[in-house]
Every structure is written in C-alpha cells, then in structure tokens.
C-alpha cells in the first residue's frame, strides 16, 4: 500500500466550509490513479492531501496514511 485515506476531510484556514469531507481512498503501489471532477469539486485539494502539501494550510480530519511516494502530474 502506498496511500490510504479513511473518512478524511480538509478545511482551509479561515474557511467555515470544508473543502473535502468523508473521503475513503486506497492507492496501491505501482498503480496509476486519475482524480477527475468539475471545477471546484476538490480534486486539487485531494491531490495535495495525498502528496502531504496541506498540513500548514488548514485542518485535516480522519486518517491519512502515506507510505511511499505519491507523484502529481
């Protein structure tokens, strides 16, 4: 397993509404995964959560277990 997210969410600092809620996702080693959605649906936030870029930008809830490397293209 490379990354697993369980009931995760994220709220940007200064915002009342979470950008992500209730996310469950597992990405296995060696797999390629596309994150797709309309503008404003949280796809960039989810990718940043997976890559560990959000810790200083707000509050993460749930479980985010990152083992290995997640690359963004």
Protein backbone atom coordinates (compact mmCIF):
# COMPACT_ATOMS: atom_id res chain seq x y z
CA UNK A 1 0.00 0.00 0.00
CA UNK A 2 1.29 3.46 -0.86
CA UNK A 3 -1.54 5.68 0.39
CA UNK A 4 -4.75 5.18 2.33
CA UNK A 5 -7.28 7.79 3.38
CA UNK A 6 -10.13 6.93 5.75
CA UNK A 7 -13.04 9.28 6.45
CA UNK A 8 -10.71 12.19 5.72
CA UNK A 9 -11.57 15.82 5.31
CA UNK A 10 -9.85 19.15 5.00
CA UNK A 11 -10.83 22.71 5.85
CA UNK A 12 -8.67 25.60 4.70
CA UNK A 13 -7.64 28.04 7.43
CA UNK A 14 -10.17 30.87 7.69
CA UNK A 15 -12.97 28.93 5.95
CA UNK A 16 -16.13 27.60 7.60
CA UNK A 17 -16.99 25.03 4.92
CA UNK A 18 -14.71 22.01 4.44
CA UNK A 19 -13.16 21.57 1.01
CA UNK A 20 -13.25 17.77 1.49
CA UNK A 21 -15.37 15.52 3.71
CA UNK A 22 -15.79 11.76 4.13
CA UNK A 23 -13.05 10.70 1.70
CA UNK A 24 -12.11 7.00 1.64
CA UNK A 25 -9.40 6.01 -0.83
CA UNK A 26 -6.64 3.44 -1.15
CA UNK A 27 -3.93 3.62 -3.79
CA UNK A 28 -1.73 0.56 -4.19
CA UNK A 29 1.97 0.55 -5.00
CA UNK A 30 2.69 0.74 -8.71
CA UNK A 31 -0.80 1.88 -9.69
CA UNK A 32 -1.69 4.98 -11.66
CA UNK A 33 -4.80 6.84 -10.48
CA UNK A 34 -6.58 9.79 -12.09
CA UNK A 35 -8.52 12.25 -9.93
CA UNK A 36 -11.22 13.87 -12.07
CA UNK A 37 -14.07 16.24 -11.33
CA UNK A 38 -15.60 19.58 -12.23
CA UNK A 39 -14.04 22.90 -11.27
CA UNK A 40 -14.38 23.49 -7.52
CA UNK A 41 -15.08 19.85 -6.63
CA UNK A 42 -11.93 19.38 -4.54
CA UNK A 43 -9.74 17.43 -6.96
CA UNK A 44 -6.69 19.67 -6.43
CA UNK A 45 -7.23 19.63 -2.66
CA UNK A 46 -7.40 15.82 -2.67
CA UNK A 47 -4.18 15.59 -4.70
CA UNK A 48 -2.46 18.00 -2.32
CA UNK A 49 -3.71 15.95 0.63
CA UNK A 50 -2.24 12.80 -0.94
CA UNK A 51 1.11 14.50 -1.52
CA UNK A 52 1.34 15.89 2.00
CA UNK A 53 1.15 19.56 0.97
CA UNK A 54 -1.82 20.66 3.12
CA UNK A 55 -0.69 20.36 6.75
CA UNK A 56 0.26 24.03 7.07
CA UNK A 57 -2.79 25.34 5.18
CA UNK A 58 -5.64 24.19 7.41
CA UNK A 59 -7.13 21.32 9.39
CA UNK A 60 -7.02 17.68 8.31
CA UNK A 61 -9.55 15.26 9.81
CA UNK A 62 -9.78 11.47 9.59
CA UNK A 63 -6.82 9.24 8.82
CA UNK A 64 -4.25 9.93 6.12
CA UNK A 65 -1.60 7.19 5.90
CA UNK A 66 1.06 7.92 3.29
CA UNK A 67 3.66 5.20 2.82
CA UNK A 68 5.97 5.67 -0.10
CA UNK A 69 5.80 8.37 -2.72
CA UNK A 70 2.80 9.95 -4.39
CA UNK A 71 3.59 11.91 -7.56
CA UNK A 72 1.40 14.62 -9.08
CA UNK A 73 1.45 15.09 -12.85
